[in-house]
Amino acid sequence: MATYKDLEFDEGNDFTYSLALTDSDDVAIDITGYTFYMTVKLKLSISDTDAMFKITVSTIPDPTLGIVNIPITRANTLNEKPGIYPYDIKYKDDSGDVRTIMYGHFKLIQGVTDSVA
């Protein structure tokens, strides 16, 4: 079952969102061969190709720890309008099964500084 969680990010910042996947006994799940996808859309009815951004992570430094880092870069949010948008995070495992593990609202907060030298 997917977890509902709202996320909050500052527009124009770089951030890494880390997820630790564990089983019901709180033991790390081996995510070797998994690919993770995070998609943020302006609204649910648009296609993935028109999403605010979609991040794919297929390189995981130590998959036996069950930790995936999703890099959200400045470029992903810099020119987007602050607001609240739907998102989800899915994975495709090494056998091809796809699961949604997290979903909710992605709150984009307007930044103050326009540029950093």
C-alpha atoms as a PDB file:
ATOM      1  CA  MET A   1       0.000   0.000   0.000  1.00  0.00           C
ATOM      2  CA  ALA A   2       1.308   3.438  -0.926  1.00  0.00           C
ATOM      3  CA  THR A   3       2.037   6.034   1.732  1.00  0.00           C
ATOM      4  CA  TYR A   4       0.382   9.449   1.581  1.00  0.00           C
ATOM      5  CA  LYS A   5       2.827  12.255   2.355  1.00  0.00           C
ATOM      6  CA  ASP A   6       2.839  15.924   1.448  1.00  0.00           C
ATOM      7  CA  LEU A   7       6.221  17.368   0.448  1.00  0.00           C
ATOM      8  CA  GLU A   8       7.384  20.971   0.566  1.00  0.00           C
ATOM      9  CA  PHE A   9      10.201  22.430  -1.553  1.00  0.00           C
ATOM     10  CA  ASP A  10      11.626  25.893  -2.136  1.00  0.00           C
ATOM     11  CA  GLU A  11      11.572  26.972  -5.773  1.00  0.00           C
ATOM     12  CA  GLY A  12      15.005  27.160  -7.390  1.00  0.00           C
ATOM     13  CA  ASN A  13      16.852  25.036  -4.795  1.00  0.00           C
ATOM     14  CA  ASP A  14      18.713  21.757  -5.150  1.00  0.00           C
ATOM     15  CA  PHE A  15      17.535  19.012  -2.849  1.00  0.00           C
ATOM     16  CA  THR A  16      17.908  15.254  -2.525  1.00  0.00           C
ATOM     17  CA  TYR A  17      14.875  13.378  -1.253  1.00  0.00           C
ATOM     18  CA  SER A  18      15.898  10.096   0.385  1.00  0.00           C
ATOM     19  CA  LEU A  19      13.628   7.098   0.811  1.00  0.00           C
ATOM     20  CA  ALA A  20      14.430   4.002   2.841  1.00  0.00           C
ATOM     21  CA  LEU A  21      12.470   0.940   1.800  1.00  0.00           C
ATOM     22  CA  THR A  22      11.891  -1.619   4.541  1.00  0.00           C
ATOM     23  CA  ASP A  23       9.671  -4.647   5.017  1.00  0.00           C
ATOM     24  CA  SER A  24       7.089  -5.120   7.792  1.00  0.00           C
ATOM     25  CA  ASP A  25       9.890  -6.101  10.207  1.00  0.00           C
ATOM     26  CA  ASP A  26      11.725  -2.835   9.432  1.00  0.00           C
ATOM     27  CA  VAL A  27      14.473  -4.700   7.548  1.00  0.00           C
ATOM     28  CA  ALA A  28      15.945  -3.003   4.473  1.00  0.00           C
ATOM     29  CA  ILE A  29      14.587  -4.252   1.154  1.00  0.00           C
ATOM     30  CA  ASP A  30      17.263  -5.092  -1.418  1.00  0.00           C
ATOM     31  CA  ILE A  31      16.447  -2.783  -4.336  1.00  0.00           C
ATOM     32  CA  THR A  32      19.046  -4.182  -6.728  1.00  0.00           C
ATOM     33  CA  GLY A  33      17.773  -3.746 -10.282  1.00  0.00           C
ATOM     34  CA  TYR A  34      14.977  -1.347  -9.280  1.00  0.00           C
ATOM     35  CA  THR A  35      14.219   1.890 -11.129  1.00  0.00           C
ATOM     36  CA  PHE A  36      12.432   4.725  -9.316  1.00  0.00           C
ATOM     37  CA  TYR A  37      10.252   7.436 -10.836  1.00  0.00           C
ATOM     38  CA  MET A  38       9.045  10.674  -9.263  1.00  0.00           C
ATOM     39  CA  THR A  39       6.490  12.649 -11.236  1.00  0.00           C
ATOM     40  CA  VAL A  40       5.051  16.066 -10.335  1.00  0.00           C
ATOM     41  CA  LYS A  41       2.195  17.374 -12.475  1.00  0.00           C
ATOM     42  CA  LEU A  42       0.393  20.685 -12.691  1.00  0.00           C
ATOM     43  CA  LYS A  43      -2.817  18.628 -12.515  1.00  0.00           C
ATOM     44  CA  LEU A  44      -3.652  14.920 -12.604  1.00  0.00           C
ATOM     45  CA  SER A  45      -5.322  15.016 -16.011  1.00  0.00           C
ATOM     46  CA  ILE A  46      -2.163  15.893 -17.983  1.00  0.00           C
ATOM     47  CA  SER A  47       0.197  13.307 -19.438  1.00  0.00           C
ATOM     48  CA  ASP A  48       3.613  12.420 -18.027  1.00  0.00           C
ATOM     49  CA  THR A  49       5.234  14.152 -20.987  1.00  0.00           C
ATOM     50  CA  ASP A  50       3.631  17.436 -19.882  1.00  0.00           C
ATOM     51  CA  ALA A  51       4.538  16.997 -16.201  1.00  0.00           C
ATOM     52  CA  MET A  52       6.222  19.798 -14.255  1.00  0.00           C
ATOM     53  CA  PHE A  53       9.064  17.315 -13.932  1.00  0.00           C
ATOM     54  CA  LYS A  54       9.727  13.599 -13.948  1.00  0.00           C
ATOM     55  CA  ILE A  55      12.857  12.137 -12.391  1.00  0.00           C
ATOM     56  CA  THR A  56      14.140   8.635 -13.081  1.00  0.00           C
ATOM     57  CA  VAL A  57      16.691   7.024 -10.761  1.00  0.00           C
ATOM     58  CA  SER A  58      18.221   3.731 -11.829  1.00  0.00           C
ATOM     59  CA  THR A  59      21.686   4.012 -10.279  1.00  0.00           C
ATOM     60  CA  ILE A  60      21.653   3.195  -6.566  1.00  0.00           C
ATOM     61  CA  PRO A  61      25.084   3.183  -4.851  1.00  0.00           C
ATOM     62  CA  ASP A  62      24.308   0.413  -2.318  1.00  0.00           C
ATOM     63  CA  PRO A  63      20.943  -1.165  -3.136  1.00  0.00           C
ATOM     64  CA  THR A  64      21.186  -3.712  -0.311  1.00  0.00           C
ATOM     65  CA  LEU A  65      20.584  -0.862   2.158  1.00  0.00           C
ATOM     66  CA  GLY A  66      17.195  -0.149   0.544  1.00  0.00           C
ATOM     67  CA  ILE A  67      17.921   3.580   0.230  1.00  0.00           C
ATOM     68  CA  VAL A  68      17.207   5.569  -2.913  1.00  0.00           C
ATOM     69  CA  ASN A  69      18.106   9.243  -3.329  1.00  0.00           C
ATOM     70  CA  ILE A  70      15.941  11.281  -5.676  1.00  0.00           C
ATOM     71  CA  PRO A  71      17.710  14.472  -6.799  1.00  0.00           C
ATOM     72  CA  ILE A  72      15.384  17.420  -7.280  1.00  0.00           C
ATOM     73  CA  THR A  73      17.445  20.109  -8.942  1.00  0.00           C
ATOM     74  CA  ARG A  74      17.095  23.846  -9.242  1.00  0.00           C
ATOM     75  CA  ALA A  75      16.197  23.389 -12.906  1.00  0.00           C
ATOM     76  CA  ASN A  76      13.178  21.226 -11.991  1.00  0.00           C
ATOM     77  CA  THR A  77      11.394  24.064 -10.182  1.00  0.00           C
ATOM     78  CA  LEU A  78      13.069  27.348 -11.132  1.00  0.00           C
ATOM     79  CA  ASN A  79      10.519  28.585 -13.662  1.00  0.00           C
ATOM     80  CA  GLU A  80       7.447  26.967 -12.147  1.00  0.00           C
ATOM     81  CA  LYS A  81       4.639  28.845 -10.457  1.00  0.00           C
ATOM     82  CA  PRO A  82       4.505  28.338  -6.674  1.00  0.00           C
ATOM     83  CA  GLY A  83       1.524  26.233  -5.677  1.00  0.00           C
ATOM     84  CA  ILE A  84       0.371  22.785  -4.639  1.00  0.00           C
ATOM     85  CA  TYR A  85       0.672  19.973  -7.195  1.00  0.00           C
ATOM     86  CA  PRO A  86       0.015  16.216  -7.230  1.00  0.00           C
ATOM     87  CA  TYR A  87       2.993  13.870  -7.223  1.00  0.00           C
ATOM     88  CA  ASP A  88       3.816  10.222  -6.863  1.00  0.00           C
ATOM     89  CA  ILE A  89       6.870   8.007  -6.532  1.00  0.00           C
ATOM     90  CA  LYS A  90       6.834   4.580  -8.140  1.00  0.00           C
ATOM     91  CA  TYR A  91       9.327   1.827  -8.682  1.00  0.00           C
ATOM     92  CA  LYS A  92       9.752  -0.941 -11.181  1.00  0.00           C
ATOM     93  CA  ASP A  93      11.480  -3.919  -9.595  1.00  0.00           C
ATOM     94  CA  ASP A  94      13.885  -6.385 -11.163  1.00  0.00           C
ATOM     95  CA  SER A  95      11.010  -8.685 -12.216  1.00  0.00           C
ATOM     96  CA  GLY A  96       9.134  -5.837 -13.963  1.00  0.00           C
ATOM     97  CA  ASP A  97       6.446  -5.263 -11.312  1.00  0.00           C
ATOM     98  CA  VAL A  98       5.457  -1.597 -10.852  1.00  0.00           C
ATOM     99  CA  ARG A  99       4.281  -0.186  -7.519  1.00  0.00           C
ATOM    100  CA  THR A 100       3.370   3.245  -6.227  1.00  0.00           C
ATOM    101  CA  ILE A 101       5.132   3.738  -2.893  1.00  0.00           C
ATOM    102  CA  MET A 102       4.313   7.356  -2.108  1.00  0.00           C
ATOM    103  CA  TYR A 103       1.890  10.022  -3.283  1.00  0.00           C
ATOM    104  CA  GLY A 104       0.467  13.315  -2.129  1.00  0.00           C
ATOM    105  CA  HIS A 105       0.854  17.027  -2.701  1.00  0.00           C
ATOM    106  CA  PHE A 106       4.071  18.724  -3.733  1.00  0.00           C
ATOM    107  CA  LYS A 107       4.012  22.250  -2.327  1.00  0.00           C
ATOM    108  CA  LEU A 108       6.324  24.585  -4.222  1.00  0.00           C
ATOM    109  CA  ILE A 109       7.203  27.663  -2.194  1.00  0.00           C
ATOM    110  CA  GLN A 110       8.308  30.823  -3.978  1.00  0.00           C
ATOM    111  CA  GLY A 111      11.952  31.713  -3.469  1.00  0.00           C
ATOM    112  CA  VAL A 112      13.197  35.173  -2.585  1.00  0.00           C
ATOM    113  CA  THR A 113      16.625  35.216  -4.273  1.00  0.00           C
ATOM    114  CA  ASP A 114      16.441  35.284  -8.088  1.00  0.00           C
ATOM    115  CA  SER A 115      20.017  34.286  -8.846  1.00  0.00           C
ATOM    116  CA  VAL A 116      23.096  33.004  -7.081  1.00  0.00           C
ATOM    117  CA  ALA A 117      26.510  33.732  -8.551  1.00  0.00           C
END
